[in-house]
Amino acid sequence: MTQEPLKPAAAMQPAALEAIVRSVGGETTRNREAAPVHLWNPPYCGDIGLEIKADGIWHYRGSPITRRPLVELFASVLRKDDDGKTYLVTPAEKVDVQVADAPFLAVEMQVTGDGEARSVALRTNLDTWVTIKAAHPIRFEVQEPAGGLKPYVLVRGRLEALLVRAVYLDLVALATEGDGNQPGFWSGGLWWPLMA
């Protein structure tokens, strides 16, 4: 009897992932808009092994998900709830997603204008652009134990992007002194101090 060769785990798409893909309409659309997950209230279905590592790579049961359209699909139905946990949400189910730091990374910065008219836009690792403004605020968290600052920008809902080091350094290079000699920068008509 001839034995079928084993497929690598990363190449298989288990039933749980297939069900999610079907329930949100397939994975063929690139750069899809986020789904209206805030309107959905499906039953909680547990932990199926999805994780977003600190480097922004999605994993399923320990294996990286290498198909970019699939990651974009999953990101479009991601939601962080009041309980502080992150979930993949479809109209039919809600499953856990373990997030090591932030679900997105800000990997590129684009600056237009000067002074109070300046606009600072950030591109995430999944090609979503957000401009730092009232609807997409930036915040700084003290990094323990070193005491440095980690910058996060709100992408949507409660989901944030962590600025990668190179983008953070570009942002710091924009800083000027504001009231009380506190360094910061203008974007979206607001002054953003570089402080926790």
Foldseek 3Di string as FASTA:
>chain_A
DDDDDDDPPLVDDDPVLVVLCVLQPHLPDAPDAADPLVPADAEEDEAQAWEQEPVLFIDGVRHTNDDLSSLSSQVSQWAQDPVRFIWRDGNHYTYGYHYHPANWAFEDWDWDDDDLAIWIWTAIPSGDIDIDAPQWHKDWDQDPPVRDTWIWIRDDHNGIHTYPPVVVVVQQVQWDADPPRFTFHHHHSDTDGPDD
